[in-house]
Amino acid sequence: AWLTQAGVSLGEIGLFALVGIPYTIKFLWAPFMDRYVPPLLGR
């Protein structure tokens, strides 16, 4: 909505979906969260 109001084109707005790439690569950092436990509050 912000980009549309700012006059950004539909094509560029669609490309902003790429900022969601981290949602597709969660398995890259998940092993660290399975293996290591922070010092407070538990794993």
ModelCIF file with pLDDT and N, C-alpha, C, O atoms, coordinates in Angstrom:
data_MODEL
#
_entry.id   MODEL 
#
_entity.id                         1 
_entity.type                       polymer 
_entity.pdbx_number_of_molecules   1 
#
_entity_poly.entity_id                      1 
_entity_poly.type                           'polypeptide(L)' 
_entity_poly.nstd_linkage                   no 
_entity_poly.nstd_monomer                   no 
_entity_poly.pdbx_seq_one_letter_code       AWLTQAGVSLGEIGLFALVGIPYTIKFLWAPFMDRYVPPLLGR 
_entity_poly.pdbx_seq_one_letter_code_can   AWLTQAGVSLGEIGLFALVGIPYTIKFLWAPFMDRYVPPLLGR 
_entity_poly.pdbx_strand_id                 A 
#
loop_
_entity_poly_seq.entity_id 
_entity_poly_seq.num 
_entity_poly_seq.mon_id 
_entity_poly_seq.hetero 
1 1  ALA n 
1 2  TRP n 
1 3  LEU n 
1 4  THR n 
1 5  GLN n 
1 6  ALA n 
1 7  GLY n 
1 8  VAL n 
1 9  SER n 
1 10 LEU n 
1 11 GLY n 
1 12 GLU n 
1 13 ILE n 
1 14 GLY n 
1 15 LEU n 
1 16 PHE n 
1 17 ALA n 
1 18 LEU n 
1 19 VAL n 
1 20 GLY n 
1 21 ILE n 
1 22 PRO n 
1 23 TYR n 
1 24 THR n 
1 25 ILE n 
1 26 LYS n 
1 27 PHE n 
1 28 LEU n 
1 29 TRP n 
1 30 ALA n 
1 31 PRO n 
1 32 PHE n 
1 33 MET n 
1 34 ASP n 
1 35 ARG n 
1 36 TYR n 
1 37 VAL n 
1 38 PRO n 
1 39 PRO n 
1 40 LEU n 
1 41 LEU n 
1 42 GLY n 
1 43 ARG n 
#
_struct_asym.id          A 
_struct_asym.entity_id   1 
#
loop_
_ma_qa_metric.id 
_ma_qa_metric.mode 
_ma_qa_metric.name 
_ma_qa_metric.software_group_id 
_ma_qa_metric.type 
1 global pLDDT . pLDDT 
2 local  pLDDT . pLDDT 
#
_ma_qa_metric_global.metric_id      1 
_ma_qa_metric_global.metric_value   78.05 
_ma_qa_metric_global.model_id       1 
_ma_qa_metric_global.ordinal_id     1 
#
loop_
_ma_qa_metric_local.label_asym_id 
_ma_qa_metric_local.label_comp_id 
_ma_qa_metric_local.label_seq_id 
_ma_qa_metric_local.metric_id 
_ma_qa_metric_local.metric_value 
_ma_qa_metric_local.model_id 
_ma_qa_metric_local.ordinal_id 
A ALA 1  2 81.00 1 1  
A TRP 2  2 82.00 1 2  
A LEU 3  2 81.00 1 3  
A THR 4  2 79.00 1 4  
A GLN 5  2 76.00 1 5  
A ALA 6  2 74.00 1 6  
A GLY 7  2 73.00 1 7  
A VAL 8  2 71.00 1 8  
A SER 9  2 71.00 1 9  
A LEU 10 2 71.00 1 10 
A GLY 11 2 73.00 1 11 
A GLU 12 2 73.00 1 12 
A ILE 13 2 74.00 1 13 
A GLY 14 2 72.00 1 14 
A LEU 15 2 72.00 1 15 
A PHE 16 2 73.00 1 16 
A ALA 17 2 73.00 1 17 
A LEU 18 2 78.00 1 18 
A VAL 19 2 80.00 1 19 
A GLY 20 2 77.00 1 20 
A ILE 21 2 80.00 1 21 
A PRO 22 2 85.00 1 22 
A TYR 23 2 79.00 1 23 
A THR 24 2 75.00 1 24 
A ILE 25 2 79.00 1 25 
A LYS 26 2 79.00 1 26 
A PHE 27 2 75.00 1 27 
A LEU 28 2 79.00 1 28 
A TRP 29 2 82.00 1 29 
A ALA 30 2 80.00 1 30 
A PRO 31 2 82.00 1 31 
A PHE 32 2 80.00 1 32 
A MET 33 2 80.00 1 33 
A ASP 34 2 78.00 1 34 
A ARG 35 2 78.00 1 35 
A TYR 36 2 78.00 1 36 
A VAL 37 2 82.00 1 37 
A PRO 38 2 86.00 1 38 
A PRO 39 2 86.00 1 39 
A LEU 40 2 84.00 1 40 
A LEU 41 2 84.00 1 41 
A GLY 42 2 81.00 1 42 
A ARG 43 2 80.00 1 43 
#
loop_
_atom_site.group_PDB 
_atom_site.id 
_atom_site.type_symbol 
_atom_site.label_atom_id 
_atom_site.label_alt_id 
_atom_site.label_comp_id 
_atom_site.label_asym_id 
_atom_site.label_entity_id 
_atom_site.label_seq_id 
_atom_site.pdbx_PDB_ins_code 
_atom_site.Cartn_x 
_atom_site.Cartn_y 
_atom_site.Cartn_z 
_atom_site.occupancy 
_atom_site.B_iso_or_equiv 
_atom_site.pdbx_formal_charge 
_atom_site.auth_seq_id 
_atom_site.auth_comp_id 
_atom_site.auth_asym_id 
_atom_site.auth_atom_id 
_atom_site.pdbx_PDB_model_num 
ATOM 1   N N  . ALA A 1 1  ? 0.836  -1.202  0.000   1.00 81.00 ? 1  ALA A N  1 
ATOM 2   C CA . ALA A 1 1  ? 0.000  0.000   0.000   1.00 81.00 ? 1  ALA A CA 1 
ATOM 3   C C  . ALA A 1 1  ? 0.873  1.255   0.000   1.00 81.00 ? 1  ALA A C  1 
ATOM 4   O O  . ALA A 1 1  ? 0.577  2.223   -0.699  1.00 81.00 ? 1  ALA A O  1 
ATOM 5   N N  . TRP A 1 2  ? 1.939  1.232   0.779   1.00 82.00 ? 2  TRP A N  1 
ATOM 6   C CA . TRP A 1 2  ? 2.867  2.365   0.848   1.00 82.00 ? 2  TRP A CA 1 
ATOM 7   C C  . TRP A 1 2  ? 3.506  2.624   -0.523  1.00 82.00 ? 2  TRP A C  1 
ATOM 8   O O  . TRP A 1 2  ? 3.584  3.763   -0.984  1.00 82.00 ? 2  TRP A O  1 
ATOM 9   N N  . LEU A 1 3  ? 3.963  1.532   -1.163  1.00 81.00 ? 3  LEU A N  1 
ATOM 10  C CA . LEU A 1 3  ? 4.623  1.661   -2.466  1.00 81.00 ? 3  LEU A CA 1 
ATOM 11  C C  . LEU A 1 3  ? 3.630  2.090   -3.545  1.00 81.00 ? 3  LEU A C  1 
ATOM 12  O O  . LEU A 1 3  ? 3.966  2.882   -4.425  1.00 81.00 ? 3  LEU A O  1 
ATOM 13  N N  . THR A 1 4  ? 2.400  1.560   -3.472  1.00 79.00 ? 4  THR A N  1 
ATOM 14  C CA . THR A 1 4  ? 1.383  1.962   -4.442  1.00 79.00 ? 4  THR A CA 1 
ATOM 15  C C  . THR A 1 4  ? 1.069  3.452   -4.321  1.00 79.00 ? 4  THR A C  1 
ATOM 16  O O  . THR A 1 4  ? 0.962  4.154   -5.326  1.00 79.00 ? 4  THR A O  1 
ATOM 17  N N  . GLN A 1 5  ? 0.926  3.921   -3.100  1.00 76.00 ? 5  GLN A N  1 
ATOM 18  C CA . GLN A 1 5  ? 0.652  5.333   -2.861  1.00 76.00 ? 5  GLN A CA 1 
ATOM 19  C C  . GLN A 1 5  ? 1.819  6.214   -3.311  1.00 76.00 ? 5  GLN A C  1 
ATOM 20  O O  . GLN A 1 5  ? 1.622  7.357   -3.724  1.00 76.00 ? 5  GLN A O  1 
ATOM 21  N N  . ALA A 1 6  ? 3.038  5.667   -3.227  1.00 74.00 ? 6  ALA A N  1 
ATOM 22  C CA . ALA A 1 6  ? 4.227  6.416   -3.642  1.00 74.00 ? 6  ALA A CA 1 
ATOM 23  C C  . ALA A 1 6  ? 4.424  6.409   -5.147  1.00 74.00 ? 6  ALA A C  1 
ATOM 24  O O  . ALA A 1 6  ? 5.352  7.047   -5.644  1.00 74.00 ? 6  ALA A O  1 
ATOM 25  N N  . GLY A 1 7  ? 3.570  5.701   -5.891  1.00 73.00 ? 7  GLY A N  1 
ATOM 26  C CA . GLY A 1 7  ? 3.654  5.690   -7.341  1.00 73.00 ? 7  GLY A CA 1 
ATOM 27  C C  . GLY A 1 7  ? 4.599  4.665   -7.924  1.00 73.00 ? 7  GLY A C  1 
ATOM 28  O O  . GLY A 1 7  ? 4.969  4.766   -9.094  1.00 73.00 ? 7  GLY A O  1 
ATOM 29  N N  . VAL A 1 8  ? 5.001  3.678   -7.135  1.00 71.00 ? 8  VAL A N  1 
ATOM 30  C CA . VAL A 1 8  ? 5.876  2.613   -7.635  1.00 71.00 ? 8  VAL A CA 1 
ATOM 31  C C  . VAL A 1 8  ? 5.069  1.717   -8.569  1.00 71.00 ? 8  VAL A C  1 
ATOM 32  O O  . VAL A 1 8  ? 3.896  1.455   -8.303  1.00 71.00 ? 8  VAL A O  1 
ATOM 33  N N  . SER A 1 9  ? 5.674  1.243   -9.658  1.00 71.00 ? 9  SER A N  1 
ATOM 34  C CA . SER A 1 9  ? 4.961  0.442   -10.659 1.00 71.00 ? 9  SER A CA 1 
ATOM 35  C C  . SER A 1 9  ? 4.574  -0.926  -10.120 1.00 71.00 ? 9  SER A C  1 
ATOM 36  O O  . SER A 1 9  ? 5.172  -1.421  -9.165  1.00 71.00 ? 9  SER A O  1 
ATOM 37  N N  . LEU A 1 10 ? 3.556  -1.539  -10.746 1.00 71.00 ? 10 LEU A N  1 
ATOM 38  C CA . LEU A 1 10 ? 3.123  -2.878  -10.335 1.00 71.00 ? 10 LEU A CA 1 
ATOM 39  C C  . LEU A 1 10 ? 4.250  -3.896  -10.448 1.00 71.00 ? 10 LEU A C  1 
ATOM 40  O O  . LEU A 1 10 ? 4.401  -4.758  -9.583  1.00 71.00 ? 10 LEU A O  1 
ATOM 41  N N  . GLY A 1 11 ? 5.039  -3.798  -11.510 1.00 73.00 ? 11 GLY A N  1 
ATOM 42  C CA . GLY A 1 11 ? 6.148  -4.728  -11.683 1.00 73.00 ? 11 GLY A CA 1 
ATOM 43  C C  . GLY A 1 11 ? 7.144  -4.649  -10.545 1.00 73.00 ? 11 GLY A C  1 
ATOM 44  O O  . GLY A 1 11 ? 7.604  -5.676  -10.047 1.00 73.00 ? 11 GLY A O  1 
ATOM 45  N N  . GLU A 1 12 ? 7.484  -3.431  -10.125 1.00 73.00 ? 12 GLU A N  1 
ATOM 46  C CA . GLU A 1 12 ? 8.429  -3.260  -9.020  1.00 73.00 ? 12 GLU A CA 1 
ATOM 47  C C  . GLU A 1 12 ? 7.820  -3.713  -7.694  1.00 73.00 ? 12 GLU A C  1 
ATOM 48  O O  . GLU A 1 12 ? 8.509  -4.286  -6.850  1.00 73.00 ? 12 GLU A O  1 
ATOM 49  N N  . ILE A 1 13 ? 6.531  -3.453  -7.519  1.00 74.00 ? 13 ILE A N  1 
ATOM 50  C CA . ILE A 1 13 ? 5.871  -3.920  -6.298  1.00 74.00 ? 13 ILE A CA 1 
ATOM 51  C C  . ILE A 1 13 ? 5.907  -5.450  -6.230  1.00 74.00 ? 13 ILE A C  1 
ATOM 52  O O  . ILE A 1 13 ? 6.148  -6.027  -5.170  1.00 74.00 ? 13 ILE A O  1 
ATOM 53  N N  . GLY A 1 14 ? 5.663  -6.101  -7.375  1.00 72.00 ? 14 GLY A N  1 
ATOM 54  C CA . GLY A 1 14 ? 5.746  -7.556  -7.408  1.00 72.00 ? 14 GLY A CA 1 
ATOM 55  C C  . GLY A 1 14 ? 7.131  -8.063  -7.060  1.00 72.00 ? 14 GLY A C  1 
ATOM 56  O O  . GLY A 1 14 ? 7.271  -9.080  -6.380  1.00 72.00 ? 14 GLY A O  1 
ATOM 57  N N  . LEU A 1 15 ? 8.162  -7.354  -7.525  1.00 72.00 ? 15 LEU A N  1 
ATOM 58  C CA . LEU A 1 15 ? 9.535  -7.755  -7.228  1.00 72.00 ? 15 LEU A CA 1 
ATOM 59  C C  . LEU A 1 15 ? 9.855  -7.664  -5.743  1.00 72.00 ? 15 LEU A C  1 
ATOM 60  O O  . LEU A 1 15 ? 10.753 -8.355  -5.261  1.00 72.00 ? 15 LEU A O  1 
ATOM 61  N N  . PHE A 1 16 ? 9.137  -6.825  -5.016  1.00 73.00 ? 16 PHE A N  1 
ATOM 62  C CA . PHE A 1 16 ? 9.374  -6.711  -3.575  1.00 73.00 ? 16 PHE A CA 1 
ATOM 63  C C  . PHE A 1 16 ? 9.025  -8.005  -2.841  1.00 73.00 ? 16 PHE A C  1 
ATOM 64  O O  . PHE A 1 16 ? 9.391  -8.172  -1.678  1.00 73.00 ? 16 PHE A O  1 
ATOM 65  N N  . ALA A 1 17 ? 8.327  -8.913  -3.504  1.00 73.00 ? 17 ALA A N  1 
ATOM 66  C CA . ALA A 1 17 ? 8.087  -10.221 -2.888  1.00 73.00 ? 17 ALA A CA 1 
ATOM 67  C C  . ALA A 1 17 ? 9.394  -10.952 -2.609  1.00 73.00 ? 17 ALA A C  1 
ATOM 68  O O  . ALA A 1 17 ? 9.440  -11.846 -1.765  1.00 73.00 ? 17 ALA A O  1 
ATOM 69  N N  . LEU A 1 18 ? 10.463 -10.570 -3.321  1.00 78.00 ? 18 LEU A N  1 
ATOM 70  C CA . LEU A 1 18 ? 11.760 -11.223 -3.130  1.00 78.00 ? 18 LEU A CA 1 
ATOM 71  C C  . LEU A 1 18 ? 12.358 -10.949 -1.756  1.00 78.00 ? 18 LEU A C  1 
ATOM 72  O O  . LEU A 1 18 ? 13.242 -11.686 -1.318  1.00 78.00 ? 18 LEU A O  1 
ATOM 73  N N  . VAL A 1 19 ? 11.895 -9.900  -1.062  1.00 80.00 ? 19 VAL A N  1 
ATOM 74  C CA . VAL A 1 19 ? 12.422 -9.666  0.285   1.00 80.00 ? 19 VAL A CA 1 
ATOM 75  C C  . VAL A 1 19 ? 12.000 -10.796 1.217   1.00 80.00 ? 19 VAL A C  1 
ATOM 76  O O  . VAL A 1 19 ? 12.548 -10.931 2.311   1.00 80.00 ? 19 VAL A O  1 
ATOM 77  N N  . GLY A 1 20 ? 11.032 -11.609 0.795   1.00 77.00 ? 20 GLY A N  1 
ATOM 78  C CA . GLY A 1 20 ? 10.608 -12.746 1.600   1.00 77.00 ? 20 GLY A CA 1 
ATOM 79  C C  . GLY A 1 20 ? 11.442 -13.989 1.403   1.00 77.00 ? 20 GLY A C  1 
ATOM 80  O O  . GLY A 1 20 ? 11.074 -15.055 1.895   1.00 77.00 ? 20 GLY A O  1 
ATOM 81  N N  . ILE A 1 21 ? 12.563 -13.885 0.694   1.00 80.00 ? 21 ILE A N  1 
ATOM 82  C CA . ILE A 1 21 ? 13.427 -15.050 0.477   1.00 80.00 ? 21 ILE A CA 1 
ATOM 83  C C  . ILE A 1 21 ? 13.810 -15.753 1.781   1.00 80.00 ? 21 ILE A C  1 
ATOM 84  O O  . ILE A 1 21 ? 13.870 -16.983 1.795   1.00 80.00 ? 21 ILE A O  1 
ATOM 85  N N  . PRO A 1 22 ? 14.075 -15.027 2.890   1.00 85.00 ? 22 PRO A N  1 
ATOM 86  C CA . PRO A 1 22 ? 14.405 -15.735 4.135   1.00 85.00 ? 22 PRO A CA 1 
ATOM 87  C C  . PRO A 1 22 ? 13.378 -16.786 4.540   1.00 85.00 ? 22 PRO A C  1 
ATOM 88  O O  . PRO A 1 22 ? 13.742 -17.768 5.187   1.00 85.00 ? 22 PRO A O  1 
ATOM 89  N N  . TYR A 1 23 ? 12.109 -16.614 4.183   1.00 79.00 ? 23 TYR A N  1 
ATOM 90  C CA . TYR A 1 23 ? 11.099 -17.610 4.543   1.00 79.00 ? 23 TYR A CA 1 
ATOM 91  C C  . TYR A 1 23 ? 11.318 -18.925 3.793   1.00 79.00 ? 23 TYR A C  1 
ATOM 92  O O  . TYR A 1 23 ? 10.804 -19.964 4.206   1.00 79.00 ? 23 TYR A O  1 
ATOM 93  N N  . THR A 1 24 ? 12.070 -18.888 2.705   1.00 75.00 ? 24 THR A N  1 
ATOM 94  C CA . THR A 1 24 ? 12.303 -20.103 1.914   1.00 75.00 ? 24 THR A CA 1 
ATOM 95  C C  . THR A 1 24 ? 13.629 -20.780 2.235   1.00 75.00 ? 24 THR A C  1 
ATOM 96  O O  . THR A 1 24 ? 13.917 -21.848 1.694   1.00 75.00 ? 24 THR A O  1 
ATOM 97  N N  . ILE A 1 25 ? 14.444 -20.180 3.105   1.00 79.00 ? 25 ILE A N  1 
ATOM 98  C CA . ILE A 1 25 ? 15.762 -20.758 3.413   1.00 79.00 ? 25 ILE A CA 1 
ATOM 99  C C  . ILE A 1 25 ? 15.941 -20.943 4.916   1.00 79.00 ? 25 ILE A C  1 
ATOM 100 O O  . ILE A 1 25 ? 17.063 -20.900 5.420   1.00 79.00 ? 25 ILE A O  1 
ATOM 101 N N  . LYS A 1 26 ? 14.846 -21.147 5.627   1.00 79.00 ? 26 LYS A N  1 
ATOM 102 C CA . LYS A 1 26 ? 14.917 -21.273 7.085   1.00 79.00 ? 26 LYS A CA 1 
ATOM 103 C C  . LYS A 1 26 ? 15.759 -22.467 7.532   1.00 79.00 ? 26 LYS A C  1 
ATOM 104 O O  . LYS A 1 26 ? 16.300 -22.473 8.638   1.00 79.00 ? 26 LYS A O  1 
ATOM 105 N N  . PHE A 1 27 ? 15.863 -23.463 6.678   1.00 75.00 ? 27 PHE A N  1 
ATOM 106 C CA . PHE A 1 27 ? 16.640 -24.654 7.037   1.00 75.00 ? 27 PHE A CA 1 
ATOM 107 C C  . PHE A 1 27 ? 18.137 -24.359 7.150   1.00 75.00 ? 27 PHE A C  1 
ATOM 108 O O  . PHE A 1 27 ? 18.878 -25.177 7.694   1.00 75.00 ? 27 PHE A O  1 
ATOM 109 N N  . LEU A 1 28 ? 18.598 -23.206 6.647   1.00 79.00 ? 28 LEU A N  1 
ATOM 110 C CA . LEU A 1 28 ? 20.031 -22.886 6.711   1.00 79.00 ? 28 LEU A CA 1 
ATOM 111 C C  . LEU A 1 28 ? 20.476 -22.556 8.127   1.00 79.00 ? 28 LEU A C  1 
ATOM 112 O O  . LEU A 1 28 ? 21.568 -22.953 8.533   1.00 79.00 ? 28 LEU A O  1 
ATOM 113 N N  . TRP A 1 29 ? 19.652 -21.836 8.891   1.00 82.00 ? 29 TRP A N  1 
ATOM 114 C CA . TRP A 1 29 ? 20.044 -21.493 10.254  1.00 82.00 ? 29 TRP A CA 1 
ATOM 115 C C  . TRP A 1 29 ? 19.390 -22.380 11.306  1.00 82.00 ? 29 TRP A C  1 
ATOM 116 O O  . TRP A 1 29 ? 19.794 -22.343 12.469  1.00 82.00 ? 29 TRP A O  1 
ATOM 117 N N  . ALA A 1 30 ? 18.395 -23.174 10.932  1.00 80.00 ? 30 ALA A N  1 
ATOM 118 C CA . ALA A 1 30 ? 17.708 -24.021 11.904  1.00 80.00 ? 30 ALA A CA 1 
ATOM 119 C C  . ALA A 1 30 ? 18.640 -24.992 12.636  1.00 80.00 ? 30 ALA A C  1 
ATOM 120 O O  . ALA A 1 30 ? 18.453 -25.194 13.836  1.00 80.00 ? 30 ALA A O  1 
ATOM 121 N N  . PRO A 1 31 ? 19.647 -25.611 11.969  1.00 82.00 ? 31 PRO A N  1 
ATOM 122 C CA . PRO A 1 31 ? 20.532 -26.514 12.717  1.00 82.00 ? 31 PRO A CA 1 
ATOM 123 C C  . PRO A 1 31 ? 21.256 -25.838 13.877  1.00 82.00 ? 31 PRO A C  1 
ATOM 124 O O  . PRO A 1 31 ? 21.490 -26.476 14.904  1.00 82.00 ? 31 PRO A O  1 
ATOM 125 N N  . PHE A 1 32 ? 21.614 -24.566 13.740  1.00 80.00 ? 32 PHE A N  1 
ATOM 126 C CA . PHE A 1 32 ? 22.261 -23.858 14.839  1.00 80.00 ? 32 PHE A CA 1 
ATOM 127 C C  . PHE A 1 32 ? 21.306 -23.726 16.027  1.00 80.00 ? 32 PHE A C  1 
ATOM 128 O O  . PHE A 1 32 ? 21.728 -23.767 17.183  1.00 80.00 ? 32 PHE A O  1 
ATOM 129 N N  . MET A 1 33 ? 20.020 -23.569 15.726  1.00 80.00 ? 33 MET A N  1 
ATOM 130 C CA . MET A 1 33 ? 19.030 -23.417 16.789  1.00 80.00 ? 33 MET A CA 1 
ATOM 131 C C  . MET A 1 33 ? 18.691 -24.759 17.431  1.00 80.00 ? 33 MET A C  1 
ATOM 132 O O  . MET A 1 33 ? 18.239 -24.801 18.575  1.00 80.00 ? 33 MET A O  1 
ATOM 133 N N  . ASP A 1 34 ? 18.905 -25.852 16.706  1.00 78.00 ? 34 ASP A N  1 
ATOM 134 C CA . ASP A 1 34 ? 18.758 -27.181 17.296  1.00 78.00 ? 34 ASP A CA 1 
ATOM 135 C C  . ASP A 1 34 ? 19.966 -27.549 18.158  1.00 78.00 ? 34 ASP A C  1 
ATOM 136 O O  . ASP A 1 34 ? 19.829 -28.227 19.177  1.00 78.00 ? 34 ASP A O  1 
ATOM 137 N N  . ARG A 1 35 ? 21.144 -27.097 17.742  1.00 78.00 ? 35 ARG A N  1 
ATOM 138 C CA . ARG A 1 35 ? 22.389 -27.519 18.395  1.00 78.00 ? 35 ARG A CA 1 
ATOM 139 C C  . ARG A 1 35 ? 22.767 -26.656 19.597  1.00 78.00 ? 35 ARG A C  1 
ATOM 140 O O  . ARG A 1 35 ? 23.204 -27.190 20.617  1.00 78.00 ? 35 ARG A O  1 
ATOM 141 N N  . TYR A 1 36 ? 22.610 -25.336 19.500  1.00 78.00 ? 36 TYR A N  1 
ATOM 142 C CA . TYR A 1 36 ? 23.148 -24.438 20.521  1.00 78.00 ? 36 TYR A CA 1 
ATOM 143 C C  . TYR A 1 36 ? 22.041 -23.847 21.393  1.00 78.00 ? 36 TYR A C  1 
ATOM 144 O O  . TYR A 1 36 ? 20.935 -23.572 20.927  1.00 78.00 ? 36 TYR A O  1 
ATOM 145 N N  . VAL A 1 37 ? 22.371 -23.661 22.673  1.00 82.00 ? 37 VAL A N  1 
ATOM 146 C CA . VAL A 1 37 ? 21.425 -23.147 23.660  1.00 82.00 ? 37 VAL A CA 1 
ATOM 147 C C  . VAL A 1 37 ? 21.918 -21.799 24.162  1.00 82.00 ? 37 VAL A C  1 
ATOM 148 O O  . VAL A 1 37 ? 23.022 -21.725 24.702  1.00 82.00 ? 37 VAL A O  1 
ATOM 149 N N  . PRO A 1 38 ? 21.137 -20.722 24.005  1.00 86.00 ? 38 PRO A N  1 
ATOM 150 C CA . PRO A 1 38 ? 21.527 -19.418 24.558  1.00 86.00 ? 38 PRO A CA 1 
ATOM 151 C C  . PRO A 1 38 ? 21.691 -19.489 26.073  1.00 86.00 ? 38 PRO A C  1 
ATOM 152 O O  . PRO A 1 38 ? 21.135 -20.386 26.707  1.00 86.00 ? 38 PRO A O  1 
ATOM 153 N N  . PRO A 1 39 ? 22.440 -18.563 26.663  1.00 86.00 ? 39 PRO A N  1 
ATOM 154 C CA . PRO A 1 39 ? 22.723 -18.635 28.106  1.00 86.00 ? 39 PRO A CA 1 
ATOM 155 C C  . PRO A 1 39 ? 21.507 -18.415 28.996  1.00 86.00 ? 39 PRO A C  1 
ATOM 156 O O  . PRO A 1 39 ? 21.512 -18.827 30.156  1.00 86.00 ? 39 PRO A O  1 
ATOM 157 N N  . LEU A 1 40 ? 20.458 -17.770 28.472  1.00 84.00 ? 40 LEU A N  1 
ATOM 158 C CA . LEU A 1 40 ? 19.278 -17.490 29.279  1.00 84.00 ? 40 LEU A CA 1 
ATOM 159 C C  . LEU A 1 40 ? 18.019 -18.042 28.613  1.00 84.00 ? 40 LEU A C  1 
ATOM 160 O O  . LEU A 1 40 ? 17.914 -18.058 27.387  1.00 84.00 ? 40 LEU A O  1 
ATOM 161 N N  . LEU A 1 41 ? 17.073 -18.489 29.425  1.00 84.00 ? 41 LEU A N  1 
ATOM 162 C CA . LEU A 1 41 ? 15.705 -18.869 29.030  1.00 84.00 ? 41 LEU A CA 1 
ATOM 163 C C  . LEU A 1 41 ? 15.592 -20.207 28.324  1.00 84.00 ? 41 LEU A C  1 
ATOM 164 O O  . LEU A 1 41 ? 14.470 -20.641 28.065  1.00 84.00 ? 41 LEU A O  1 
ATOM 165 N N  . GLY A 1 42 ? 16.672 -20.882 28.000  1.00 81.00 ? 42 GLY A N  1 
ATOM 166 C CA . GLY A 1 42 ? 16.583 -22.186 27.370  1.00 81.00 ? 42 GLY A CA 1 
ATOM 167 C C  . GLY A 1 42 ? 16.759 -22.145 25.867  1.00 81.00 ? 42 GLY A C  1 
ATOM 168 O O  . GLY A 1 42 ? 16.896 -21.075 25.275  1.00 81.00 ? 42 GLY A O  1 
ATOM 169 N N  . ARG A 1 43 ? 16.754 -23.329 25.248  1.00 80.00 ? 43 ARG A N  1 
ATOM 170 C CA . ARG A 1 43 ? 17.060 -23.419 23.820  1.00 80.00 ? 43 ARG A CA 1 
ATOM 171 C C  . ARG A 1 43 ? 16.032 -22.701 22.957  1.00 80.00 ? 43 ARG A C  1 
ATOM 172 O O  . ARG A 1 43 ? 16.154 -22.688 21.732  1.00 80.00 ? 43 ARG A O  1 
#
